[in-house]
Structures are given as structure tokens and as C-alpha cells.
């Protein structure tokens, strides 16, 4: 009799909740992404569904970023702020679908341009080409990356060097995926927390096989949480990665 009453009570509660407000599954944002093997940890914080801060720590030290928005639009990122100075990335409005940003090193006595990047996007708003110019003193170095997307996943990434306007392919990585929710697939600007050749993490699903040039294939095995996001990743090179998440509200 008691169990029957409990069933009725739970049924009435579920009906009441369903009638008052629909149940919505919120996307998850990564809060911690750790390579256990190399002792490297990336931490993210969020506010109103947007990245507010990012830090990456390893045996060499810690790098940190603060994201700044105006009217919901990302306008700048401040990196490695200290009494000696900081790096400032500004995003420029251009009359095209490309996005351009510039990074400056700012100290109490000087402002120095360090890097300019241009992101081009395909019709699905995925980055398909990134051009980067960096300065060291008066010397400038250029390189570029091209990404091929299929069904929301970066299936190929080319790394190109640029000299005197001539592009040379340095590496080509072919990638295949599983059918689960990608670790960094939520719609937040994770592209500014990864190097260009690791933007496969932005894919809709999770990379399971990498084939770089003529090297042996690298395989990833995933273990998933109750919401089908990866909780642990093990590579065939004996690397172990762990992921934790929070709902993006």
C-alpha cells in the first residue's frame, strides 16, 4: 500500500512539473580539462553562458585570460596580467564575414604589436582558414591553417608556412570522429583557448583517430558521462585526459 502511494505521489509531482515549466536540457561547458599524464590543466569559468576566464597550468607555469564583452559581443581578451605588463587582444569590426584580431604587449613604458590573426568562416560559421602574422623585434613570420569541415567536424587540418607570399604545406592531419557530443562543442568562443592546429576540439563530435602525414595513426578511446559528454579520454600513446563540466545558464 505504501509503495503504491509513493508511485501516485511521484506521478502527480511529475505531472505538476511538466504542466508548470518544460524540462530543458542545457548545454555543458568544460570547467576543467586535464592531461593527467603531462600534468597540464585548463580551467574555464562562465557567466550567462559565456567564457569569463581561462587558465592553463603545466610544469612550466600558468597562463591566464580574462574575456571582456560589450552587448554580448566579445571585444577583448587580457592575458597574463602582472605589474610588469600584460597582453591585450582586440577584436576588430570589419565589413566582411572574416574576423580580425590584434595582440599587443603592453608595459608601463611601451605598447608593442605581437600578432595579427584573420579568421575566415564557411557557411556553417566554422573557421576554415586562419592566417597569422607574428613579430619578434622587426622580424615578421607568417603561417596559415586550413580546415575542412564535414557534418560539423574538422576532418582535415593543413598547416602552411608562408614566405614571400608563397604558401608551403608543412603538415596535413586527417581526423575521424565518434557520434557523441563533442567535448568543446557548445557555442562559446573556445577557439581563442586553443592553438590553430588543435581546433578539431570545436567539432560537433569527438576525434577518435588522427593521421598526420605518413606517421602512424593515433587513436583516442572515450568514456562518457550520463549526458553523453566525454568524462575521460585514453590515447593509444598512454595519455590520459579528464573532463568536468557545468551547465551553461
C-alpha atoms as a PDB file:
ATOM      1  CA  UNK A   1       0.000   0.000   0.000  1.00  0.00           C
ATOM      2  CA  UNK A   2       2.801   2.377   0.963  1.00  0.00           C
ATOM      3  CA  UNK A   3       4.696   1.769  -2.324  1.00  0.00           C
ATOM      4  CA  UNK A   4       1.510   2.369  -4.309  1.00  0.00           C
ATOM      5  CA  UNK A   5       1.014   5.714  -2.579  1.00  0.00           C
ATOM      6  CA  UNK A   6       4.612   6.687  -3.387  1.00  0.00           C
ATOM      7  CA  UNK A   7       4.073   5.881  -7.063  1.00  0.00           C
ATOM      8  CA  UNK A   8       0.942   8.037  -7.138  1.00  0.00           C
ATOM      9  CA  UNK A   9       2.750  10.889  -5.364  1.00  0.00           C
ATOM     10  CA  UNK A  10       5.693  10.808  -7.793  1.00  0.00           C
ATOM     11  CA  UNK A  11       3.312  10.681 -10.758  1.00  0.00           C
ATOM     12  CA  UNK A  12       1.407  13.732  -9.521  1.00  0.00           C
ATOM     13  CA  UNK A  13       4.682  15.596  -8.919  1.00  0.00           C
ATOM     14  CA  UNK A  14       5.941  14.875 -12.458  1.00  0.00           C
ATOM     15  CA  UNK A  15       2.622  15.953 -13.966  1.00  0.00           C
ATOM     16  CA  UNK A  16       2.705  19.146 -11.909  1.00  0.00           C
ATOM     17  CA  UNK A  17       6.276  19.969 -13.013  1.00  0.00           C
ATOM     18  CA  UNK A  18       5.510  19.222 -16.625  1.00  0.00           C
ATOM     19  CA  UNK A  19       2.462  21.457 -16.517  1.00  0.00           C
ATOM     20  CA  UNK A  20       4.282  24.408 -14.963  1.00  0.00           C
ATOM     21  CA  UNK A  21       7.517  24.506 -16.955  1.00  0.00           C
ATOM     22  CA  UNK A  22       9.062  22.439 -19.758  1.00  0.00           C
ATOM     23  CA  UNK A  23      12.179  20.431 -18.941  1.00  0.00           C
ATOM     24  CA  UNK A  24      15.120  21.888 -20.869  1.00  0.00           C
ATOM     25  CA  UNK A  25      18.485  20.194 -21.286  1.00  0.00           C
ATOM     26  CA  UNK A  26      21.105  22.928 -21.060  1.00  0.00           C
ATOM     27  CA  UNK A  27      24.398  22.590 -22.963  1.00  0.00           C
ATOM     28  CA  UNK A  28      27.506  21.870 -20.924  1.00  0.00           C
ATOM     29  CA  UNK A  29      30.658  23.967 -20.804  1.00  0.00           C
ATOM     30  CA  UNK A  30      34.033  22.496 -19.865  1.00  0.00           C
ATOM     31  CA  UNK A  31      35.199  23.681 -16.437  1.00  0.00           C
ATOM     32  CA  UNK A  32      38.343  21.542 -16.232  1.00  0.00           C
ATOM     33  CA  UNK A  33      40.283  19.736 -18.960  1.00  0.00           C
ATOM     34  CA  UNK A  34      43.310  17.879 -17.611  1.00  0.00           C
ATOM     35  CA  UNK A  35      46.022  15.861 -19.271  1.00  0.00           C
ATOM     36  CA  UNK A  36      46.782  13.642 -16.297  1.00  0.00           C
ATOM     37  CA  UNK A  37      49.874  12.203 -17.948  1.00  0.00           C
ATOM     38  CA  UNK A  38      51.604  15.517 -18.680  1.00  0.00           C
ATOM     39  CA  UNK A  39      50.186  17.299 -15.605  1.00  0.00           C
ATOM     40  CA  UNK A  40      48.566  20.022 -17.736  1.00  0.00           C
ATOM     41  CA  UNK A  41      45.270  21.552 -16.579  1.00  0.00           C
ATOM     42  CA  UNK A  42      42.955  24.009 -18.342  1.00  0.00           C
ATOM     43  CA  UNK A  43      40.278  25.753 -16.250  1.00  0.00           C
ATOM     44  CA  UNK A  44      37.244  27.713 -17.512  1.00  0.00           C
ATOM     45  CA  UNK A  45      34.685  29.909 -15.750  1.00  0.00           C
ATOM     46  CA  UNK A  46      31.414  31.159 -17.264  1.00  0.00           C
ATOM     47  CA  UNK A  47      28.768  33.825 -16.776  1.00  0.00           C
ATOM     48  CA  UNK A  48      25.478  33.957 -18.671  1.00  0.00           C
ATOM     49  CA  UNK A  49      26.674  31.167 -20.925  1.00  0.00           C
ATOM     50  CA  UNK A  50      29.912  32.936 -21.924  1.00  0.00           C
ATOM     51  CA  UNK A  51      33.547  32.289 -21.020  1.00  0.00           C
ATOM     52  CA  UNK A  52      34.722  34.735 -18.374  1.00  0.00           C
ATOM     53  CA  UNK A  53      38.178  33.353 -17.638  1.00  0.00           C
ATOM     54  CA  UNK A  54      40.585  30.683 -18.813  1.00  0.00           C
ATOM     55  CA  UNK A  55      43.849  29.431 -17.364  1.00  0.00           C
ATOM     56  CA  UNK A  56      46.299  26.746 -18.394  1.00  0.00           C
ATOM     57  CA  UNK A  57      48.877  25.318 -15.999  1.00  0.00           C
ATOM     58  CA  UNK A  58      51.744  22.885 -16.525  1.00  0.00           C
ATOM     59  CA  UNK A  59      55.220  22.282 -15.169  1.00  0.00           C
ATOM     60  CA  UNK A  60      56.451  25.468 -16.922  1.00  0.00           C
ATOM     61  CA  UNK A  61      53.943  27.770 -15.205  1.00  0.00           C
ATOM     62  CA  UNK A  62      50.468  29.239 -15.645  1.00  0.00           C
ATOM     63  CA  UNK A  63      48.929  31.392 -18.378  1.00  0.00           C
ATOM     64  CA  UNK A  64      45.593  33.113 -17.772  1.00  0.00           C
ATOM     65  CA  UNK A  65      42.983  35.012 -19.806  1.00  0.00           C
ATOM     66  CA  UNK A  66      40.085  37.326 -18.958  1.00  0.00           C
ATOM     67  CA  UNK A  67      37.330  37.723 -21.573  1.00  0.00           C
ATOM     68  CA  UNK A  68      35.577  41.093 -21.935  1.00  0.00           C
ATOM     69  CA  UNK A  69      32.228  41.662 -23.668  1.00  0.00           C
ATOM     70  CA  UNK A  70      30.088  44.608 -24.760  1.00  0.00           C
ATOM     71  CA  UNK A  71      26.398  43.979 -25.507  1.00  0.00           C
ATOM     72  CA  UNK A  72      27.052  40.215 -25.574  1.00  0.00           C
ATOM     73  CA  UNK A  73      29.871  40.622 -28.143  1.00  0.00           C
ATOM     74  CA  UNK A  74      33.463  39.622 -27.303  1.00  0.00           C
ATOM     75  CA  UNK A  75      35.596  42.768 -27.623  1.00  0.00           C
ATOM     76  CA  UNK A  76      38.925  41.920 -25.959  1.00  0.00           C
ATOM     77  CA  UNK A  77      40.971  39.366 -24.035  1.00  0.00           C
ATOM     78  CA  UNK A  78      43.583  40.251 -21.407  1.00  0.00           C
ATOM     79  CA  UNK A  79      46.287  37.621 -20.917  1.00  0.00           C
ATOM     80  CA  UNK A  80      48.968  37.175 -18.240  1.00  0.00           C
ATOM     81  CA  UNK A  81      48.357  40.443 -16.416  1.00  0.00           C
ATOM     82  CA  UNK A  82      51.009  41.435 -13.872  1.00  0.00           C
ATOM     83  CA  UNK A  83      52.752  44.515 -12.523  1.00  0.00           C
ATOM     84  CA  UNK A  84      55.209  44.269 -15.436  1.00  0.00           C
ATOM     85  CA  UNK A  85      52.527  44.383 -18.108  1.00  0.00           C
ATOM     86  CA  UNK A  86      50.023  42.226 -19.984  1.00  0.00           C
ATOM     87  CA  UNK A  87      48.956  41.013 -23.417  1.00  0.00           C
ATOM     88  CA  UNK A  88      45.819  42.565 -24.905  1.00  0.00           C
ATOM     89  CA  UNK A  89      43.908  41.020 -27.819  1.00  0.00           C
ATOM     90  CA  UNK A  90      41.442  43.361 -29.533  1.00  0.00           C
ATOM     91  CA  UNK A  91      38.774  42.250 -31.995  1.00  0.00           C
ATOM     92  CA  UNK A  92      38.142  44.495 -34.979  1.00  0.00           C
ATOM     93  CA  UNK A  93      34.836  45.064 -36.741  1.00  0.00           C
ATOM     94  CA  UNK A  94      35.254  44.579 -40.482  1.00  0.00           C
ATOM     95  CA  UNK A  95      32.649  44.727 -43.244  1.00  0.00           C
ATOM     96  CA  UNK A  96      33.000  41.054 -44.144  1.00  0.00           C
ATOM     97  CA  UNK A  97      32.431  37.628 -42.640  1.00  0.00           C
ATOM     98  CA  UNK A  98      36.104  37.468 -41.604  1.00  0.00           C
ATOM     99  CA  UNK A  99      37.203  38.243 -38.066  1.00  0.00           C
ATOM    100  CA  UNK A 100      40.486  40.041 -37.375  1.00  0.00           C
ATOM    101  CA  UNK A 101      42.218  40.414 -34.027  1.00  0.00           C
ATOM    102  CA  UNK A 102      45.466  42.026 -32.912  1.00  0.00           C
ATOM    103  CA  UNK A 103      47.535  41.164 -29.848  1.00  0.00           C
ATOM    104  CA  UNK A 104      49.703  43.791 -28.132  1.00  0.00           C
ATOM    105  CA  UNK A 105      52.215  43.504 -25.294  1.00  0.00           C
ATOM    106  CA  UNK A 106      51.561  46.467 -23.010  1.00  0.00           C
ATOM    107  CA  UNK A 107      54.038  47.564 -20.341  1.00  0.00           C
ATOM    108  CA  UNK A 108      54.263  50.777 -18.310  1.00  0.00           C
ATOM    109  CA  UNK A 109      56.640  52.212 -20.947  1.00  0.00           C
ATOM    110  CA  UNK A 110      55.651  50.678 -24.321  1.00  0.00           C
ATOM    111  CA  UNK A 111      52.931  49.088 -26.443  1.00  0.00           C
ATOM    112  CA  UNK A 112      54.231  46.532 -28.935  1.00  0.00           C
ATOM    113  CA  UNK A 113      52.269  44.728 -31.652  1.00  0.00           C
ATOM    114  CA  UNK A 114      52.941  40.989 -31.312  1.00  0.00           C
ATOM    115  CA  UNK A 115      50.441  39.207 -33.562  1.00  0.00           C
ATOM    116  CA  UNK A 116      47.607  39.696 -36.062  1.00  0.00           C
ATOM    117  CA  UNK A 117      45.199  36.911 -36.984  1.00  0.00           C
ATOM    118  CA  UNK A 118      42.429  36.646 -39.560  1.00  0.00           C
ATOM    119  CA  UNK A 119      39.721  34.014 -39.208  1.00  0.00           C
ATOM    120  CA  UNK A 120      37.645  33.119 -42.266  1.00  0.00           C
ATOM    121  CA  UNK A 121      34.478  31.056 -41.889  1.00  0.00           C
ATOM    122  CA  UNK A 122      32.387  28.690 -44.002  1.00  0.00           C
ATOM    123  CA  UNK A 123      28.623  28.876 -44.487  1.00  0.00           C
ATOM    124  CA  UNK A 124      28.098  26.995 -41.194  1.00  0.00           C
ATOM    125  CA  UNK A 125      30.163  29.599 -39.310  1.00  0.00           C
ATOM    126  CA  UNK A 126      33.064  27.186 -38.804  1.00  0.00           C
ATOM    127  CA  UNK A 127      36.639  28.559 -39.103  1.00  0.00           C
ATOM    128  CA  UNK A 128      38.032  27.209 -42.382  1.00  0.00           C
ATOM    129  CA  UNK A 129      41.160  29.370 -42.704  1.00  0.00           C
ATOM    130  CA  UNK A 130      43.318  31.171 -40.141  1.00  0.00           C
ATOM    131  CA  UNK A 131      46.131  33.474 -41.226  1.00  0.00           C
ATOM    132  CA  UNK A 132      48.655  34.515 -38.567  1.00  0.00           C
ATOM    133  CA  UNK A 133      51.421  37.112 -38.655  1.00  0.00           C
ATOM    134  CA  UNK A 134      53.755  37.343 -35.642  1.00  0.00           C
ATOM    135  CA  UNK A 135      56.534  39.792 -34.860  1.00  0.00           C
ATOM    136  CA  UNK A 136      59.777  39.354 -32.942  1.00  0.00           C
ATOM    137  CA  UNK A 137      61.530  42.700 -32.959  1.00  0.00           C
ATOM    138  CA  UNK A 138      61.426  43.812 -36.597  1.00  0.00           C
ATOM    139  CA  UNK A 139      61.215  40.260 -37.996  1.00  0.00           C
ATOM    140  CA  UNK A 140      57.812  39.008 -39.127  1.00  0.00           C
ATOM    141  CA  UNK A 141      56.786  35.372 -39.553  1.00  0.00           C
ATOM    142  CA  UNK A 142      53.625  34.212 -41.346  1.00  0.00           C
ATOM    143  CA  UNK A 143      51.753  30.947 -41.342  1.00  0.00           C
ATOM    144  CA  UNK A 144      48.250  29.722 -42.081  1.00  0.00           C
ATOM    145  CA  UNK A 145      45.898  26.861 -41.307  1.00  0.00           C
ATOM    146  CA  UNK A 146      43.127  25.439 -43.463  1.00  0.00           C
ATOM    147  CA  UNK A 147      40.333  23.303 -42.043  1.00  0.00           C
ATOM    148  CA  UNK A 148      37.944  21.054 -43.966  1.00  0.00           C
ATOM    149  CA  UNK A 149      34.589  20.530 -42.232  1.00  0.00           C
ATOM    150  CA  UNK A 150      32.109  17.683 -42.739  1.00  0.00           C
ATOM    151  CA  UNK A 151      28.928  17.252 -40.674  1.00  0.00           C
ATOM    152  CA  UNK A 152      30.178  19.717 -38.073  1.00  0.00           C
ATOM    153  CA  UNK A 153      33.589  18.073 -37.672  1.00  0.00           C
ATOM    154  CA  UNK A 154      37.058  19.212 -38.784  1.00  0.00           C
ATOM    155  CA  UNK A 155      38.016  16.229 -40.935  1.00  0.00           C
ATOM    156  CA  UNK A 156      41.330  17.710 -42.132  1.00  0.00           C
ATOM    157  CA  UNK A 157      43.722  20.413 -40.920  1.00  0.00           C
ATOM    158  CA  UNK A 158      46.576  21.727 -43.059  1.00  0.00           C
ATOM    159  CA  UNK A 159      49.474  23.659 -41.565  1.00  0.00           C
ATOM    160  CA  UNK A 160      51.108  26.043 -44.059  1.00  0.00           C
ATOM    161  CA  UNK A 161      54.214  28.192 -43.883  1.00  0.00           C
ATOM    162  CA  UNK A 162      54.243  31.469 -45.827  1.00  0.00           C
ATOM    163  CA  UNK A 163      57.379  33.079 -47.294  1.00  0.00           C
ATOM    164  CA  UNK A 164      57.365  35.946 -49.794  1.00  0.00           C
ATOM    165  CA  UNK A 165      53.692  35.311 -50.456  1.00  0.00           C
ATOM    166  CA  UNK A 166      54.240  31.635 -51.317  1.00  0.00           C
ATOM    167  CA  UNK A 167      52.465  29.018 -49.201  1.00  0.00           C
ATOM    168  CA  UNK A 168      54.011  25.633 -48.490  1.00  0.00           C
ATOM    169  CA  UNK A 169      52.171  22.722 -46.857  1.00  0.00           C
ATOM    170  CA  UNK A 170      54.062  21.626 -43.755  1.00  0.00           C
ATOM    171  CA  UNK A 171      51.641  19.065 -42.324  1.00  0.00           C
ATOM    172  CA  UNK A 172      48.257  17.513 -43.081  1.00  0.00           C
ATOM    173  CA  UNK A 173      46.225  15.825 -40.345  1.00  0.00           C
ATOM    174  CA  UNK A 174      43.194  13.677 -41.229  1.00  0.00           C
ATOM    175  CA  UNK A 175      40.717  13.119 -38.382  1.00  0.00           C
ATOM    176  CA  UNK A 176      37.726  10.829 -37.845  1.00  0.00           C
ATOM    177  CA  UNK A 177      35.065  11.128 -35.110  1.00  0.00           C
ATOM    178  CA  UNK A 178      32.625   9.270 -32.900  1.00  0.00           C
ATOM    179  CA  UNK A 179      28.879  10.063 -32.761  1.00  0.00           C
ATOM    180  CA  UNK A 180      28.735  11.552 -29.240  1.00  0.00           C
ATOM    181  CA  UNK A 181      28.579  15.184 -28.107  1.00  0.00           C
ATOM    182  CA  UNK A 182      31.932  16.904 -28.628  1.00  0.00           C
ATOM    183  CA  UNK A 183      33.889  17.910 -25.539  1.00  0.00           C
ATOM    184  CA  UNK A 184      34.031  21.585 -26.630  1.00  0.00           C
ATOM    185  CA  UNK A 185      31.002  21.581 -28.952  1.00  0.00           C
ATOM    186  CA  UNK A 186      28.967  24.198 -27.051  1.00  0.00           C
ATOM    187  CA  UNK A 187      28.571  27.598 -28.714  1.00  0.00           C
ATOM    188  CA  UNK A 188      31.191  29.612 -26.807  1.00  0.00           C
ATOM    189  CA  UNK A 189      34.497  31.089 -28.116  1.00  0.00           C
ATOM    190  CA  UNK A 190      36.768  28.156 -27.311  1.00  0.00           C
ATOM    191  CA  UNK A 191      38.768  28.901 -30.468  1.00  0.00           C
ATOM    192  CA  UNK A 192      40.724  31.548 -28.520  1.00  0.00           C
ATOM    193  CA  UNK A 193      41.881  28.983 -25.939  1.00  0.00           C
ATOM    194  CA  UNK A 194      43.437  26.508 -28.407  1.00  0.00           C
ATOM    195  CA  UNK A 195      46.267  26.803 -30.920  1.00  0.00           C
ATOM    196  CA  UNK A 196      45.017  26.784 -34.517  1.00  0.00           C
ATOM    197  CA  UNK A 197      46.164  23.224 -35.201  1.00  0.00           C
ATOM    198  CA  UNK A 198      44.014  21.933 -32.310  1.00  0.00           C
ATOM    199  CA  UNK A 199      40.716  23.473 -33.398  1.00  0.00           C
ATOM    200  CA  UNK A 200      39.361  19.990 -34.062  1.00  0.00           C
ATOM    201  CA  UNK A 201      38.228  20.188 -30.414  1.00  0.00           C
ATOM    202  CA  UNK A 202      35.480  22.595 -31.573  1.00  0.00           C
ATOM    203  CA  UNK A 203      33.861  19.813 -33.616  1.00  0.00           C
ATOM    204  CA  UNK A 204      30.318  18.568 -33.031  1.00  0.00           C
ATOM    205  CA  UNK A 205      31.661  15.110 -32.132  1.00  0.00           C
ATOM    206  CA  UNK A 206      34.867  13.743 -30.597  1.00  0.00           C
ATOM    207  CA  UNK A 207      38.056  12.926 -32.547  1.00  0.00           C
ATOM    208  CA  UNK A 208      38.931   9.240 -32.316  1.00  0.00           C
ATOM    209  CA  UNK A 209      41.645   8.803 -34.977  1.00  0.00           C
ATOM    210  CA  UNK A 210      44.416  11.129 -36.148  1.00  0.00           C
ATOM    211  CA  UNK A 211      46.601  10.513 -39.177  1.00  0.00           C
ATOM    212  CA  UNK A 212      49.413  13.068 -39.604  1.00  0.00           C
ATOM    213  CA  UNK A 213      51.312  12.900 -42.889  1.00  0.00           C
ATOM    214  CA  UNK A 214      52.921   9.442 -43.089  1.00  0.00           C
ATOM    215  CA  UNK A 215      53.165   8.894 -39.325  1.00  0.00           C
ATOM    216  CA  UNK A 216      51.350   6.093 -37.530  1.00  0.00           C
ATOM    217  CA  UNK A 217      47.699   6.679 -36.691  1.00  0.00           C
ATOM    218  CA  UNK A 218      46.885   7.893 -33.166  1.00  0.00           C
ATOM    219  CA  UNK A 219      43.687   6.591 -31.552  1.00  0.00           C
ATOM    220  CA  UNK A 220      41.576   8.047 -28.729  1.00  0.00           C
ATOM    221  CA  UNK A 221      39.154   5.984 -26.609  1.00  0.00           C
ATOM    222  CA  UNK A 222      36.350   7.854 -24.793  1.00  0.00           C
ATOM    223  CA  UNK A 223      34.361   7.203 -21.627  1.00  0.00           C
ATOM    224  CA  UNK A 224      31.148   9.241 -21.346  1.00  0.00           C
ATOM    225  CA  UNK A 225      29.104  10.774 -18.551  1.00  0.00           C
ATOM    226  CA  UNK A 226      25.346  10.446 -18.156  1.00  0.00           C
ATOM    227  CA  UNK A 227      24.776  13.290 -20.653  1.00  0.00           C
ATOM    228  CA  UNK A 228      26.960  11.622 -23.302  1.00  0.00           C
ATOM    229  CA  UNK A 229      29.821  14.116 -22.969  1.00  0.00           C
ATOM    230  CA  UNK A 230      33.335  12.660 -22.533  1.00  0.00           C
ATOM    231  CA  UNK A 231      34.479  12.288 -18.926  1.00  0.00           C
ATOM    232  CA  UNK A 232      37.792  10.515 -19.641  1.00  0.00           C
ATOM    233  CA  UNK A 233      39.917  10.031 -22.735  1.00  0.00           C
ATOM    234  CA  UNK A 234      42.703   7.468 -23.150  1.00  0.00           C
ATOM    235  CA  UNK A 235      45.048   7.510 -26.142  1.00  0.00           C
ATOM    236  CA  UNK A 236      46.995   4.584 -27.529  1.00  0.00           C
ATOM    237  CA  UNK A 237      50.116   6.554 -26.554  1.00  0.00           C
ATOM    238  CA  UNK A 238      49.102   6.057 -22.899  1.00  0.00           C
ATOM    239  CA  UNK A 239      47.948   9.635 -22.417  1.00  0.00           C
ATOM    240  CA  UNK A 240      45.000  10.089 -20.047  1.00  0.00           C
ATOM    241  CA  UNK A 241      42.728  13.155 -20.153  1.00  0.00           C
ATOM    242  CA  UNK A 242      39.858  14.029 -17.802  1.00  0.00           C
ATOM    243  CA  UNK A 243      36.955  16.464 -18.332  1.00  0.00           C
ATOM    244  CA  UNK A 244      34.456  18.089 -15.974  1.00  0.00           C
ATOM    245  CA  UNK A 245      31.537  20.343 -16.963  1.00  0.00           C
ATOM    246  CA  UNK A 246      28.917  22.811 -15.774  1.00  0.00           C
ATOM    247  CA  UNK A 247      25.590  23.776 -17.330  1.00  0.00           C
ATOM    248  CA  UNK A 248      25.732  26.976 -19.397  1.00  0.00           C
ATOM    249  CA  UNK A 249      22.960  29.130 -17.931  1.00  0.00           C
END
